[in-house]
Amino acid sequence: MRGAGWCAVSLAVATFGSGGAEPYARALRRDDDVLYLRDARAGSSVPHSTMNAARWSDDADATDIALLRGVTGPVLDIGCGPGRMVRAANDLGLVALGIDVSPTAVAIARAAGLQVREVSVFEMVPLEGSWATGLLVDGNIGIGGDPSALMARCRELISPDGSVVVEVNSEPLRDDVFIGTLADIHGEQSDEFPWAEIGSTALARRSSRVGLRLAAAWAADGRSFTRFVRA
């Protein structure tokens, strides 16, 4: 059973791209297409990684569709953004719900008629323990800056025979936890937030400690994915 600490964690820290100048929200409104994720404590202006924000609002691509064809519903898209994967899942006949903490992302998704809730994965989520598939794509394994805690939470959300599909870093041993900021091309910057980037081997190691085992790992179109089931 989930403890009260989950809500305390979600309320105590800033979230991806929020606060400050909110470059994430502006990017979703198509004001800027490129965002830069930086390590706030690295003492450097060099981006940790560059993100194409336009892809989050575009239609699902062939890799997204192939991933969804390999899962069963109902699907919970964690950190769904404006709902690209929720829409694609619906188009394939899958029942899907998206959750996200960004009011802008949720508003865009709802305006498109998608089932999306403004809630953190660490708060109460509908149908806990009965989701056939939990999705963590587009780097969302970084949510909260603690992949172990996030995977433990996902284990609570899926059904006994469910799975968690995670897009991971292409470097299998990568296990990088840091305090990040998000900036746009104009230099506007978000508040600091905890984040993580992790590869398949490192995530498998962490997940084994919270009752999940690696069932599959694959790469497609330059992206890397894993699927975890209950141990």
Protein backbone atom coordinates (compact mmCIF):
# COMPACT_ATOMS: atom_id res chain seq x y z
CA MET A 1 0.00 0.00 0.00
CA ARG A 2 1.18 3.49 -0.80
CA GLY A 3 2.28 5.58 2.17
CA ALA A 4 1.53 9.21 2.88
CA GLY A 5 5.10 10.07 1.93
CA TRP A 6 4.26 9.97 -1.78
CA CYS A 7 2.21 13.17 -1.63
CA ALA A 8 4.81 14.87 0.53
CA VAL A 9 7.46 14.13 -2.11
CA SER A 10 5.38 15.49 -4.97
CA LEU A 11 4.48 18.71 -3.17
CA ALA A 12 7.93 19.43 -1.79
CA VAL A 13 9.80 19.85 -5.06
CA ALA A 14 9.49 21.78 -8.30
CA THR A 15 8.53 19.88 -11.44
CA PHE A 16 9.89 19.75 -14.98
CA GLY A 17 10.11 23.19 -16.55
CA SER A 18 7.77 24.90 -14.08
CA GLY A 19 8.06 28.17 -12.18
CA GLY A 20 10.25 31.04 -13.25
CA ALA A 21 9.63 31.84 -16.91
CA GLU A 22 8.01 28.43 -17.62
CA PRO A 23 9.76 27.70 -20.92
CA TYR A 24 8.00 24.30 -21.05
CA ALA A 25 4.54 25.87 -21.06
CA ARG A 26 5.55 28.34 -23.78
CA ALA A 27 7.04 25.54 -25.87
CA LEU A 28 3.77 23.60 -25.67
CA ARG A 29 1.98 26.66 -27.00
CA ARG A 30 4.43 26.49 -29.94
CA ASP A 31 6.19 29.73 -28.99
CA ASP A 32 9.54 27.89 -29.07
CA ASP A 33 10.38 24.44 -30.43
CA VAL A 34 13.79 23.87 -28.83
CA LEU A 35 14.43 23.50 -25.11
CA TYR A 36 17.71 22.97 -23.29
CA LEU A 37 17.95 20.80 -20.20
CA ARG A 38 20.87 21.88 -18.03
CA ASP A 39 22.48 20.54 -14.88
CA ALA A 40 21.98 23.46 -12.50
CA ARG A 41 24.95 22.49 -10.36
CA ALA A 42 27.46 21.79 -13.12
CA GLY A 43 28.65 25.38 -13.27
CA SER A 44 28.36 25.43 -17.05
CA SER A 45 26.01 26.92 -19.62
CA VAL A 46 26.52 23.90 -21.88
CA PRO A 47 23.18 22.03 -22.19
CA HIS A 48 22.92 18.62 -20.59
CA SER A 49 20.65 17.71 -23.50
CA THR A 50 18.56 19.39 -26.20
CA MET A 51 14.86 18.65 -26.59
CA ASN A 52 12.61 19.06 -29.62
CA ALA A 53 9.45 20.27 -27.94
CA ALA A 54 7.47 20.26 -31.18
CA ARG A 55 7.56 16.45 -31.24
CA TRP A 56 5.54 16.28 -28.03
CA SER A 57 2.65 18.08 -29.70
CA ASP A 58 2.90 16.41 -33.10
CA ASP A 59 1.17 13.18 -34.06
CA ALA A 60 2.75 9.94 -32.88
CA ASP A 61 5.44 8.70 -35.23
CA ALA A 62 6.07 5.17 -36.51
CA THR A 63 8.18 4.26 -33.46
CA ASP A 64 5.45 5.44 -31.08
CA ILE A 65 2.83 3.44 -32.97
CA ALA A 66 4.97 0.30 -33.00
CA LEU A 67 5.47 0.60 -29.25
CA LEU A 68 1.74 0.93 -28.64
CA ARG A 69 0.94 -2.03 -30.89
CA GLY A 70 3.01 -4.13 -28.51
CA VAL A 71 1.08 -3.28 -25.34
CA THR A 72 -2.37 -3.99 -23.94
CA GLY A 73 -4.83 -1.64 -22.33
CA PRO A 74 -5.83 0.08 -20.25
CA VAL A 75 -2.78 2.32 -20.64
CA LEU A 76 -1.61 4.96 -18.16
CA ASP A 77 0.66 7.54 -19.83
CA ILE A 78 2.72 9.08 -17.02
CA GLY A 79 3.87 12.59 -17.85
CA CYS A 80 1.65 12.61 -20.93
CA GLY A 81 2.26 16.24 -21.92
CA PRO A 82 -0.25 17.42 -24.53
CA GLY A 83 -1.37 13.84 -25.12
CA ARG A 84 0.45 12.51 -28.19
CA MET A 85 0.57 8.93 -26.91
CA VAL A 86 -2.93 9.03 -25.42
CA ARG A 87 -4.35 10.03 -28.79
CA ALA A 88 -2.35 7.36 -30.60
CA ALA A 89 -3.46 4.70 -28.12
CA ASN A 90 -7.10 5.68 -28.62
CA ASP A 91 -6.66 5.49 -32.39
CA LEU A 92 -5.45 1.91 -31.96
CA GLY A 93 -8.52 1.03 -29.91
CA LEU A 94 -6.78 1.12 -26.51
CA VAL A 95 -8.35 2.69 -23.46
CA ALA A 96 -5.84 5.26 -22.18
CA LEU A 97 -5.53 7.94 -19.55
CA GLY A 98 -2.79 10.54 -19.37
CA ILE A 99 -1.55 12.24 -16.22
CA ASP A 100 0.63 15.35 -16.04
CA VAL A 101 1.41 18.13 -13.58
CA SER A 102 1.54 20.87 -16.22
CA PRO A 103 -1.75 22.85 -16.38
CA THR A 104 -0.84 23.97 -19.91
CA ALA A 105 -0.23 20.43 -21.13
CA VAL A 106 -3.46 19.18 -19.57
CA ALA A 107 -5.47 22.06 -21.03
CA ILE A 108 -4.13 21.36 -24.53
CA ALA A 109 -4.90 17.64 -24.24
CA ARG A 110 -8.40 18.21 -22.90
CA ALA A 111 -9.15 20.73 -25.64
CA ALA A 112 -8.37 17.92 -28.09
CA GLY A 113 -10.92 15.69 -26.36
CA LEU A 114 -8.40 13.43 -24.64
CA GLN A 115 -8.77 11.82 -21.22
CA VAL A 116 -6.07 13.52 -19.17
CA ARG A 117 -5.83 14.38 -15.47
CA GLU A 118 -3.76 17.11 -13.83
CA VAL A 119 -2.13 15.00 -11.13
CA SER A 120 1.31 13.78 -10.11
CA VAL A 121 2.15 10.10 -10.38
CA PHE A 122 2.97 10.32 -6.66
CA GLU A 123 -0.59 11.37 -5.80
CA MET A 124 -3.81 9.38 -5.98
CA VAL A 125 -4.28 8.05 -9.52
CA PRO A 126 -7.53 6.53 -10.84
CA LEU A 127 -7.69 2.71 -11.02
CA GLU A 128 -4.53 2.14 -9.01
CA GLY A 129 -3.33 -1.43 -9.27
CA SER A 130 -5.30 -2.21 -12.42
CA TRP A 131 -3.39 -0.61 -15.32
CA ALA A 132 -2.21 -3.16 -17.86
CA THR A 133 0.50 -0.82 -19.12
CA GLY A 134 2.30 2.13 -17.56
CA LEU A 135 4.14 4.33 -20.05
CA LEU A 136 7.23 6.39 -19.25
CA VAL A 137 8.41 7.71 -22.61
CA ASP A 138 10.16 10.88 -23.82
CA GLY A 139 12.58 10.74 -20.90
CA ASN A 140 9.86 10.68 -18.23
CA ILE A 141 11.80 8.13 -16.20
CA GLY A 142 13.45 11.31 -14.93
CA ILE A 143 10.30 12.46 -13.10
CA GLY A 144 11.09 13.21 -9.48
CA GLY A 145 14.82 12.66 -9.87
CA ASP A 146 14.66 9.17 -8.33
CA PRO A 147 14.16 6.30 -10.82
CA SER A 148 13.94 3.76 -7.99
CA ALA A 149 11.06 5.58 -6.30
CA LEU A 150 9.30 6.13 -9.63
CA MET A 151 9.54 2.46 -10.62
CA ALA A 152 8.32 1.40 -7.18
CA ARG A 153 5.32 3.69 -7.66
CA CYS A 154 4.68 2.26 -11.12
CA ARG A 155 4.67 -1.25 -9.64
CA GLU A 156 1.81 -0.13 -7.40
CA LEU A 157 -0.13 1.28 -10.34
CA ILE A 158 0.00 -1.71 -12.71
CA SER A 159 -2.06 -4.88 -12.42
CA PRO A 160 -0.43 -8.11 -11.19
CA ASP A 161 0.22 -9.16 -14.79
CA GLY A 162 0.80 -5.63 -16.08
CA SER A 163 4.00 -4.03 -17.37
CA VAL A 164 5.88 -0.74 -17.34
CA VAL A 165 7.34 0.41 -20.66
CA VAL A 166 10.18 2.88 -20.23
CA GLU A 167 12.14 4.89 -22.77
CA VAL A 168 15.72 4.94 -21.48
CA ASN A 169 19.02 6.58 -22.29
CA SER A 170 20.97 4.92 -25.09
CA GLU A 171 23.94 4.32 -22.75
CA PRO A 172 23.00 1.15 -20.79
CA LEU A 173 25.08 2.01 -17.72
CA ARG A 174 24.03 5.67 -17.53
CA ASP A 175 22.64 6.51 -14.07
CA ASP A 176 22.66 10.27 -13.73
CA VAL A 177 20.59 12.01 -11.06
CA PHE A 178 20.85 15.78 -10.97
CA ILE A 179 19.14 19.11 -10.34
CA GLY A 180 18.06 20.51 -13.67
CA THR A 181 16.72 23.68 -15.18
CA LEU A 182 14.97 24.08 -18.52
CA ALA A 183 15.80 27.01 -20.79
CA ASP A 184 14.55 28.19 -24.17
CA ILE A 185 16.34 29.83 -27.07
CA HIS A 186 15.79 33.25 -25.49
CA GLY A 187 17.55 32.25 -22.28
CA GLU A 188 14.38 32.20 -20.19
CA GLN A 189 14.85 29.58 -17.49
CA SER A 190 12.61 27.48 -15.25
CA ASP A 191 12.98 26.90 -11.54
CA GLU A 192 15.33 24.10 -10.52
CA PHE A 193 13.85 20.61 -10.35
CA PRO A 194 15.13 17.08 -9.66
CA TRP A 195 15.65 14.95 -12.77
CA ALA A 196 17.37 11.77 -13.90
CA GLU A 197 18.65 10.07 -17.03
CA ILE A 198 19.22 6.33 -16.93
CA GLY A 199 20.05 3.45 -19.27
CA SER A 200 18.64 -0.06 -19.48
CA THR A 201 21.22 -1.88 -17.36
CA ALA A 202 21.20 0.71 -14.60
CA LEU A 203 17.40 0.81 -14.56
CA ALA A 204 17.18 -2.98 -14.43
CA ARG A 205 19.46 -2.97 -11.42
CA ARG A 206 17.40 -0.34 -9.61
CA SER A 207 14.08 -1.95 -10.56
CA SER A 208 15.07 -5.36 -9.27
CA ARG A 209 15.27 -3.84 -5.79
CA VAL A 210 11.64 -2.65 -5.95
CA GLY A 211 10.08 -5.85 -7.25
CA LEU A 212 10.28 -5.42 -11.02
CA ARG A 213 12.32 -7.40 -13.53
CA LEU A 214 13.47 -6.55 -17.03
CA ALA A 215 11.41 -8.52 -19.55
CA ALA A 216 12.61 -6.91 -22.79
CA ALA A 217 14.91 -4.24 -24.15
CA TRP A 218 15.08 -2.93 -27.71
CA ALA A 219 16.07 0.04 -29.85
CA ALA A 220 14.16 1.69 -32.68
CA ASP A 221 14.91 4.77 -34.76
CA GLY A 222 17.65 5.91 -32.41
CA ARG A 223 15.51 5.49 -29.28
CA SER A 224 15.93 2.84 -26.57
CA PHE A 225 13.13 1.11 -24.67
CA THR A 226 12.63 -1.41 -21.89
CA ARG A 227 9.67 -3.35 -20.54
CA PHE A 228 9.41 -4.37 -16.88
CA VAL A 229 7.03 -6.79 -15.18
CA ARG A 230 6.52 -7.80 -11.57
CA ALA A 231 9.32 -9.98 -10.27
